[in-house]
Protein backbone atom coordinates (compact mmCIF):
# COMPACT_ATOMS: atom_id res chain seq x y z
CA MET A 1 -45.82 19.82 -116.02
CA GLU A 2 -42.07 21.68 -115.99
CA GLU A 3 -44.46 25.03 -115.80
CA LYS A 4 -46.10 23.66 -112.61
CA ASN A 5 -42.73 22.81 -111.07
CA GLU A 6 -41.29 26.30 -111.99
CA THR A 7 -44.66 27.74 -110.55
CA LYS A 8 -44.16 25.67 -107.16
CA GLN A 9 -40.45 26.96 -106.65
CA GLU A 10 -41.06 30.36 -107.13
CA ALA A 11 -43.69 30.01 -104.59
CA LYS A 12 -41.14 28.39 -101.90
CA SER A 13 -38.50 31.27 -102.62
CA PRO A 14 -40.07 33.91 -101.05
CA LEU A 15 -40.89 31.76 -97.69
CA ALA A 16 -37.33 30.60 -97.35
CA ALA A 17 -36.12 34.26 -97.93
CA THR A 18 -38.01 35.25 -95.06
CA VAL A 19 -36.67 32.32 -92.50
CA GLY A 20 -33.23 33.17 -93.54
CA LEU A 21 -33.85 36.64 -92.94
CA LEU A 22 -35.13 35.94 -89.58
CA LEU A 23 -32.38 33.59 -88.64
CA SER A 24 -29.87 36.26 -89.54
CA VAL A 25 -31.52 38.68 -87.38
CA ILE A 26 -31.67 36.37 -84.76
CA VAL A 27 -28.08 35.30 -84.81
CA ALA A 28 -27.17 38.99 -85.16
CA ALA A 29 -29.09 39.77 -81.93
CA GLY A 30 -27.61 37.11 -80.16
CA LEU A 31 -23.90 38.35 -81.19
CA GLY A 32 -24.83 41.45 -80.22
CA TRP A 33 -25.90 40.48 -76.68
CA PHE A 34 -22.73 38.18 -76.16
CA ALA A 35 -20.48 41.16 -77.02
CA ARG A 36 -22.16 43.28 -74.80
CA THR A 37 -22.05 41.16 -71.96
CA ILE A 38 -18.37 40.45 -72.34
CA TYR A 39 -18.10 44.38 -72.49
CA GLN A 40 -20.26 44.37 -69.37
CA ASN A 41 -18.19 42.15 -67.52
CA ASN A 42 -14.71 43.60 -68.35
CA LEU A 43 -16.04 46.99 -67.27
CA ASP A 44 -17.04 45.29 -63.88
CA ALA A 45 -13.74 43.69 -63.46
CA LYS A 46 -12.09 46.85 -64.03
CA ALA A 47 -14.49 48.15 -61.70
CA GLN A 48 -13.57 45.78 -59.05
CA ALA A 49 -10.04 46.20 -59.44
CA ALA A 50 -10.31 49.93 -59.19
CA ALA A 51 -12.31 49.61 -56.22
CA ILE A 52 -9.70 47.28 -54.55
CA ALA A 53 -7.08 49.25 -55.76
CA GLN A 54 -8.89 52.48 -54.28
CA ALA A 55 -9.88 50.87 -51.01
CA ALA A 56 -6.09 49.65 -50.44
CA ALA A 57 -4.86 53.36 -51.28
CA GLU A 58 -7.65 54.71 -48.74
CA ALA A 59 -6.44 52.20 -45.99
CA GLN A 60 -2.81 53.20 -46.68
CA VAL A 61 -3.92 56.77 -46.12
CA ARG A 62 -6.39 56.57 -43.46
CA PRO A 63 -4.12 56.13 -39.88
CA VAL A 64 -4.47 52.81 -38.13
CA THR A 65 -4.52 53.37 -34.42
CA VAL A 66 -1.52 51.03 -32.84
CA GLU A 67 0.43 50.68 -29.89
CA THR A 68 4.10 50.38 -30.09
CA ALA A 69 7.37 49.00 -27.89
CA LYS A 70 10.69 49.55 -28.61
CA ALA A 71 13.03 46.56 -29.30
CA THR A 72 15.57 46.47 -26.59
CA MET A 73 18.39 44.55 -25.09
CA LYS A 74 17.45 42.46 -22.14
CA ALA A 75 18.74 39.23 -20.08
CA ILE A 76 16.35 36.58 -21.48
CA ASN A 77 16.72 33.32 -19.85
CA PRO A 78 14.65 30.35 -20.67
CA PRO A 79 14.67 27.63 -18.27
CA GLN A 80 14.83 23.98 -18.12
CA SER A 81 11.90 22.46 -16.22
CA PHE A 82 12.27 19.22 -14.22
CA MET A 83 9.74 17.28 -11.90
CA GLY A 84 10.97 16.94 -8.38
CA HIS A 85 9.34 16.32 -5.04
CA VAL A 86 10.06 17.73 -1.57
CA GLU A 87 11.66 15.94 1.13
CA PRO A 88 13.12 16.84 4.62
CA ILE A 89 16.80 16.99 5.29
CA GLN A 90 16.01 15.46 8.70
CA ASP A 91 13.10 13.26 9.92
CA VAL A 92 13.01 11.17 12.98
CA ASP A 93 10.59 8.50 14.13
CA LEU A 94 10.16 8.45 17.93
CA ARG A 95 10.62 4.76 19.61
CA ALA A 96 10.05 3.97 23.31
CA GLN A 97 13.64 2.39 24.48
CA ILE A 98 12.18 0.91 27.65
CA ASP A 99 8.76 -0.42 28.90
CA GLY A 100 6.51 1.74 31.09
CA THR A 101 3.12 3.68 31.39
CA ILE A 102 3.10 6.99 29.61
CA GLN A 103 2.64 9.66 32.36
CA GLU A 104 2.60 12.71 30.28
CA VAL A 105 2.17 13.72 26.44
CA ALA A 106 4.05 17.15 26.42
CA PHE A 107 3.26 18.28 23.06
CA LYS A 108 0.38 19.09 20.93
CA GLU A 109 -0.26 17.12 17.51
CA GLY A 110 1.16 19.04 14.57
CA ALA A 111 2.94 21.52 16.71
CA MET A 112 6.56 22.87 16.09
CA VAL A 113 8.94 21.55 18.41
CA LYS A 114 12.64 22.57 19.34
CA GLU A 115 15.84 20.23 19.72
CA GLY A 116 15.45 19.01 23.71
CA ASP A 117 11.95 19.56 24.00
CA LEU A 118 10.14 17.07 26.47
CA LEU A 119 7.60 15.15 24.23
CA TYR A 120 6.82 12.19 26.46
CA GLN A 121 7.09 11.02 30.24
CA ILE A 122 7.25 7.65 31.23
CA ASP A 123 6.82 6.71 34.82
CA PRO A 124 10.08 7.05 36.25
CA ARG A 125 9.67 5.30 39.44
CA VAL A 126 10.97 1.62 38.79
CA TYR A 127 13.85 2.88 37.15
CA GLU A 128 14.82 5.49 40.04
CA ALA A 129 14.58 2.68 42.47
CA ARG A 130 16.96 0.70 40.06
CA VAL A 131 19.32 3.63 40.15
CA ALA A 132 19.07 3.38 43.95
CA GLN A 133 20.15 0.04 43.78
CA ALA A 134 23.07 0.26 41.85
CA LYS A 135 24.26 3.26 43.77
CA ALA A 136 23.83 1.12 47.12
CA ALA A 137 25.66 -1.77 45.21
CA LEU A 138 28.68 0.63 44.14
CA ALA A 139 28.86 1.92 47.60
CA GLN A 140 29.24 -1.93 48.97
CA ALA A 141 31.71 -2.57 46.46
CA LYS A 142 34.20 0.46 47.15
CA ALA A 143 33.87 -0.51 50.57
CA ARG A 144 34.96 -3.98 49.98
CA SER A 145 37.80 -2.74 47.86
CA GLU A 146 38.94 -0.36 50.57
CA ASN A 147 39.10 -3.24 52.89
CA ALA A 148 41.02 -5.37 50.52
CA ASN A 149 43.36 -2.55 49.63
CA ARG A 150 44.41 -2.25 53.51
CA TYR A 151 44.68 -5.93 53.94
CA TYR A 152 46.87 -6.18 51.01
CA ASP A 153 48.97 -3.18 51.97
CA ARG A 154 49.22 -4.63 55.68
CA ILE A 155 50.15 -7.96 54.53
CA SER A 156 52.79 -6.92 51.87
CA LYS A 157 54.60 -5.20 54.67
CA VAL A 158 54.86 -8.12 57.13
CA ASP A 159 58.32 -9.87 57.68
CA LYS A 160 58.27 -12.51 54.89
CA ARG A 161 58.80 -15.24 57.62
CA SER A 162 55.23 -14.87 59.41
CA VAL A 163 53.46 -14.96 55.96
CA THR A 164 53.15 -17.11 53.45
CA GLU A 165 53.69 -16.19 49.88
CA ALA A 166 50.32 -17.61 49.06
CA GLU A 167 48.63 -15.68 51.45
CA VAL A 168 50.25 -12.42 49.95
CA ASP A 169 48.98 -13.20 46.25
CA GLN A 170 45.38 -14.23 47.46
CA ALA A 171 45.62 -10.62 49.18
CA TYR A 172 46.59 -9.35 45.88
CA ALA A 173 43.83 -10.99 44.22
CA ASP A 174 41.02 -9.94 46.68
CA LYS A 175 42.37 -6.44 45.84
CA LEU A 176 42.02 -6.75 42.09
CA GLU A 177 38.55 -8.70 42.45
CA ALA A 178 37.23 -5.42 44.88
CA GLU A 179 38.44 -3.43 42.05
CA ALA A 180 36.79 -5.30 39.23
CA ALA A 181 33.36 -5.36 41.36
CA ILE A 182 33.68 -1.25 41.46
CA ALA A 183 33.82 -1.16 37.52
CA GLN A 184 30.90 -3.64 37.32
CA CYS A 185 28.76 -1.57 39.53
CA GLU A 186 29.65 1.81 38.11
CA ALA A 187 28.83 0.08 34.61
CA ASP A 188 25.35 -1.15 36.14
CA LEU A 189 24.62 2.36 37.71
CA ALA A 190 25.29 4.06 34.55
CA SER A 191 22.79 1.42 32.47
CA ALA A 192 20.35 2.15 35.20
CA GLU A 193 20.78 6.08 34.37
CA ILE A 194 20.54 5.84 31.12
CA ASN A 195 17.25 3.61 31.33
CA LEU A 196 16.02 6.57 33.63
CA GLY A 197 17.14 8.86 31.18
CA TYR A 198 14.88 6.99 28.38
CA CYS A 199 11.69 7.90 30.78
CA LYS A 200 12.22 11.21 29.10
CA ILE A 201 11.32 11.17 25.19
CA THR A 202 12.88 14.31 24.12
CA ALA A 203 12.91 15.64 20.35
CA PRO A 204 16.20 15.09 18.66
CA ILE A 205 15.83 17.57 15.84
CA SER A 206 13.67 20.87 15.30
CA GLY A 207 10.78 20.13 13.08
CA ARG A 208 6.96 19.72 13.14
CA ILE A 209 5.75 16.66 15.04
CA GLY A 210 2.57 14.61 13.61
CA GLN A 211 0.21 12.58 15.14
CA SER A 212 0.45 10.92 18.58
CA LEU A 213 0.11 6.78 18.49
CA LEU A 214 -0.05 6.88 22.61
CA LYS A 215 -1.90 9.16 25.18
CA LYS A 216 -1.72 9.59 28.91
CA GLY A 217 -1.97 6.14 30.96
CA ASP A 218 -0.91 3.90 27.80
CA TYR A 219 1.45 0.98 28.12
CA VAL A 220 4.53 1.73 26.15
CA SER A 221 7.59 -0.82 24.96
CA PRO A 222 9.98 -0.78 22.53
CA SER A 223 8.27 -3.26 20.17
CA MET A 224 5.32 -0.69 19.88
CA GLY A 225 7.19 0.79 16.75
CA THR A 226 6.78 4.48 15.85
CA LEU A 227 5.09 6.84 18.69
CA ALA A 228 5.01 10.03 16.48
CA ARG A 229 7.24 11.23 13.73
CA ILE A 230 9.12 14.85 13.63
CA VAL A 231 10.11 16.05 10.07
CA GLN A 232 12.24 19.13 9.81
CA MET A 233 11.04 21.91 7.96
CA ASP A 234 13.53 24.67 7.32
CA PRO A 235 15.42 24.24 5.37
CA VAL A 236 14.15 21.49 2.98
CA ARG A 237 15.65 19.89 -0.22
CA VAL A 238 13.93 19.12 -3.75
CA VAL A 239 14.88 15.55 -5.55
CA PHE A 240 14.57 15.32 -8.96
CA SER A 241 16.56 13.58 -11.97
CA VAL A 242 18.41 15.63 -14.99
CA PRO A 243 18.48 13.98 -18.26
CA ASP A 244 21.98 13.05 -19.91
CA ARG A 245 21.54 15.66 -22.42
CA ALA A 246 20.38 18.24 -19.83
CA TYR A 247 23.30 17.53 -17.59
CA LEU A 248 25.58 17.95 -20.63
CA THR A 249 23.90 21.47 -21.46
CA ASN A 250 23.99 22.59 -17.58
CA LYS A 251 27.68 21.35 -17.44
CA ASN A 252 28.66 23.63 -20.57
CA ILE A 253 26.84 26.48 -18.97
CA ALA A 254 28.60 26.29 -15.58
CA GLY A 255 32.16 25.83 -16.88
CA ALA A 256 34.78 26.59 -14.63
CA LYS A 257 32.31 28.26 -11.89
CA GLY A 258 30.71 25.02 -11.01
CA ALA A 259 27.07 24.53 -9.96
CA GLU A 260 27.02 28.02 -8.83
CA ALA A 261 26.60 29.33 -11.92
CA ILE A 262 23.15 27.08 -12.50
CA ARG A 263 20.04 29.32 -10.91
CA ALA A 264 17.70 26.66 -9.37
CA GLN A 265 13.99 28.03 -8.80
CA ILE A 266 10.61 26.00 -8.16
CA ARG A 267 7.26 26.58 -9.24
CA LEU A 268 4.65 25.45 -7.04
CA ALA A 269 1.00 23.86 -7.68
CA ASP A 270 -0.49 27.19 -8.19
CA GLY A 271 1.77 28.25 -10.76
CA THR A 272 3.79 31.04 -8.78
CA ILE A 273 7.59 30.73 -8.83
CA TYR A 274 9.17 30.15 -5.03
CA ALA A 275 10.66 32.98 -3.60
CA HIS A 276 13.62 31.54 -2.54
CA ASP A 277 16.41 29.97 -4.82
CA GLY A 278 18.03 26.39 -4.46
CA LYS A 279 21.49 25.47 -3.45
CA PRO A 280 23.18 22.21 -4.48
CA ASP A 281 23.13 19.75 -1.85
CA PHE A 282 23.89 16.57 -3.94
CA ILE A 283 24.73 15.64 -7.50
CA ALA A 284 25.19 11.76 -7.88
CA ASN A 285 28.40 10.45 -9.67
CA GLU A 286 26.46 7.69 -11.91
CA MET A 287 23.87 7.95 -14.12
CA SER A 288 20.93 5.46 -13.96
CA MET A 289 21.17 3.07 -16.82
CA GLU A 290 17.10 2.49 -16.72
CA THR A 291 16.48 6.00 -17.28
CA ALA A 292 19.74 7.98 -18.44
CA SER A 293 19.16 10.50 -16.04
CA LEU A 294 21.48 11.93 -13.02
CA PRO A 295 19.84 12.14 -9.20
CA VAL A 296 19.87 15.54 -7.92
CA ARG A 297 19.19 17.31 -4.86
CA TYR A 298 18.81 21.13 -4.26
CA ALA A 299 18.34 22.69 -0.84
CA PHE A 300 15.72 25.37 -0.43
CA ALA A 301 14.99 27.99 2.65
CA ASN A 302 11.36 27.22 3.85
CA PRO A 303 10.75 29.85 6.46
CA ASP A 304 7.14 30.19 5.98
CA GLN A 305 6.69 26.30 5.40
CA GLN A 306 5.34 26.54 1.79
CA LEU A 307 6.96 23.42 1.18
CA LEU A 308 6.08 20.29 2.45
CA SER A 309 7.10 16.68 2.78
CA ASN A 310 6.44 14.76 -0.45
CA ALA A 311 4.95 17.44 -2.41
CA TYR A 312 5.59 17.98 -6.22
CA VAL A 313 7.14 20.77 -7.56
CA THR A 314 8.55 21.91 -10.78
CA VAL A 315 12.24 22.34 -10.76
CA LEU A 316 13.61 25.34 -13.09
CA LEU A 317 17.55 25.58 -13.93
CA SER A 318 18.60 28.45 -15.66
CA GLU A 319 22.09 30.53 -15.97
CA ALA A 320 22.58 32.47 -13.07
CA GLN A 321 24.06 35.29 -15.11
CA PRO A 322 22.44 35.36 -18.61
CA LYS A 323 23.49 37.11 -21.68
CA GLU A 324 21.60 39.62 -22.96
CA ALA A 325 19.51 39.41 -26.10
CA LEU A 326 17.36 41.54 -28.25
CA THR A 327 13.49 41.40 -27.23
CA VAL A 328 10.34 42.55 -28.62
CA PRO A 329 6.94 41.53 -27.24
CA SER A 330 5.48 38.39 -28.64
CA SER A 331 2.48 39.89 -29.58
CA ALA A 332 4.42 42.12 -32.40
CA VAL A 333 5.39 39.06 -34.38
CA LEU A 334 3.48 37.63 -36.69
CA ALA A 335 4.13 34.45 -39.34
CA ASN A 336 2.96 33.42 -42.63
CA ALA A 337 4.15 30.51 -45.18
CA THR A 338 7.34 32.75 -45.60
CA GLY A 339 8.42 33.07 -42.03
CA ASP A 340 8.13 35.38 -39.12
CA TYR A 341 7.83 39.28 -39.53
CA VAL A 342 7.17 42.47 -37.39
CA TYR A 343 6.12 45.91 -38.47
CA ILE A 344 7.98 48.86 -37.37
CA ASN A 345 7.35 52.56 -37.25
CA ASP A 346 9.08 54.18 -40.42
CA ASN A 347 8.46 57.75 -40.19
CA GLY A 348 4.83 57.34 -39.38
CA LYS A 349 4.30 54.41 -42.07
CA ALA A 350 4.46 51.07 -41.20
CA ALA A 351 7.21 48.92 -42.85
CA ARG A 352 7.60 45.42 -42.73
CA ARG A 353 10.85 43.47 -41.34
CA THR A 354 11.47 39.61 -41.75
CA VAL A 355 12.83 38.33 -38.32
CA VAL A 356 14.28 35.37 -37.08
CA ILE A 357 12.98 34.50 -33.78
CA GLY A 358 14.63 32.49 -30.55
CA ALA A 359 13.61 31.80 -27.03
CA ARG A 360 10.31 32.96 -25.59
CA LEU A 361 9.36 33.68 -22.38
CA GLU A 362 6.95 35.44 -20.54
CA GLY A 363 5.68 37.42 -22.97
CA MET A 364 8.69 38.24 -24.53
CA VAL A 365 10.60 36.82 -27.74
CA GLU A 366 13.83 36.68 -28.53
CA VAL A 367 15.03 38.40 -32.11
CA LYS A 368 18.10 36.72 -33.71
CA SER A 369 18.07 39.02 -36.54
CA GLY A 370 16.14 41.38 -38.64
CA LEU A 371 15.95 44.32 -36.30
CA LYS A 372 18.15 46.31 -34.39
CA ALA A 373 17.84 47.81 -30.76
CA GLY A 374 15.98 50.94 -30.54
CA ASP A 375 13.33 49.82 -33.59
CA GLU A 376 9.99 50.75 -32.77
CA ILE A 377 7.78 47.78 -33.20
CA VAL A 378 3.91 47.76 -33.68
CA THR A 379 2.53 45.39 -30.80
CA GLU A 380 -1.22 46.14 -30.46
CA GLY A 381 -3.43 46.54 -33.58
CA VAL A 382 -1.08 45.07 -35.74
CA VAL A 383 -3.58 42.92 -37.47
CA ASN A 384 -4.91 45.73 -39.13
CA VAL A 385 -1.75 47.04 -40.42
CA ILE A 386 -0.01 46.41 -43.86
CA GLU A 387 2.98 47.59 -45.66
CA GLY A 388 3.08 51.71 -46.04
CA THR A 389 -0.11 52.26 -43.41
CA ASN A 390 -0.08 55.41 -41.60
CA LEU A 391 0.23 54.91 -38.14
CA ASN A 392 -1.79 56.67 -35.32
CA ILE A 393 0.52 55.85 -32.10
CA VAL A 394 -1.32 56.10 -29.19
CA ASN A 395 1.44 55.52 -26.57
CA PRO A 396 4.87 56.36 -28.18
CA SER A 397 6.47 56.31 -24.67
CA PRO A 398 8.49 52.95 -24.39
CA ASN A 399 8.58 53.48 -20.75
CA ALA A 400 4.83 52.94 -20.31
CA ARG A 401 5.42 49.28 -22.36
CA PRO A 402 5.98 46.24 -20.51
CA ALA A 403 8.60 45.38 -22.97
CA ASP A 404 11.04 47.51 -20.88
CA ALA A 405 10.74 44.85 -17.87
CA THR A 406 13.47 42.72 -17.34
CA VAL A 407 12.84 39.25 -18.86
CA THR A 408 13.79 36.83 -16.02
CA LEU A 409 12.35 34.28 -13.95
CA ALA A 410 12.67 36.64 -10.73
CA LYS A 411 9.12 36.91 -8.96
């Protein structure tokens, strides 16, 4: 029995040895493949890093075409903006002062009229007759007064024994009454002449007249209200409100120079800047409790009648004589998590400069620190630039760049 078991064990030993050998070969092959894979990955990573480094080096060597402009000292003057509306300095509603029939409408609706121009003619015949009556009454009163004066002169010189004192007093009273009658007739005549003058309705101011309520032949009376409206066109004024904070800012800017230190401009509805600056017309002496703002009016010349009554405009207030600041085109300024920066031309290579920026206006930006006047800034093609890049500058002349334009609101 023992011999049989030994025979079986001897039979199994070659099979186990073969299986073990096979497993060993498989494990060794797997380990070799894994080692080769790690080695190949290391080679690939190094190759990629080398390729990136080579690309970066080539990028620094290969010139990048850019445009530049020099950082210059300019008067940068960002304005404060407020919503305002236009109103006329003078406007008049024409009304009839007397009753009558319109004999003539002497103007064209929507036309410009001058002060004193005839606008409406009311039939004057009734009022001319009243003037004639008043003149006649005055003439009668003067005749009676002349008679009373002569009688009083005579009776006052007669012997006192021939007339009574009562007769003298009555003559004197008649004289005074006749003089009062003259004054009454003169007043009636003046009233009649005034009413006759109201037959001509003339323009009290110069401006543009609107639509007429009446036409020739219509009957007019004072109760009819406005017949037409005249609006002064030049100059006009713009009304707006300045918040308390802006008021204090402008007060500090003005200082001892007063309101003249503030430049007032307006932006029209199409975005253009109006050609004429404004002058202070009215500044209220109290803040509004509801809005914490101060009502302000500025007068503007309006020779071309671009500004119409009730139109809305944007009022721009800025310093009349702004201080100069270092400026560069806004296209030159880049930003990342660490802040703002620009690239400058440093002997043909790009050099990065961290900057602190201030006000922005019309494509320009104020640089408070990080640059100095005369530094040549990369303005176009800057997205392709990195530190140390060789620069191919296509417009090195600063005179060809808009950076040299004065940065103000003047148009």
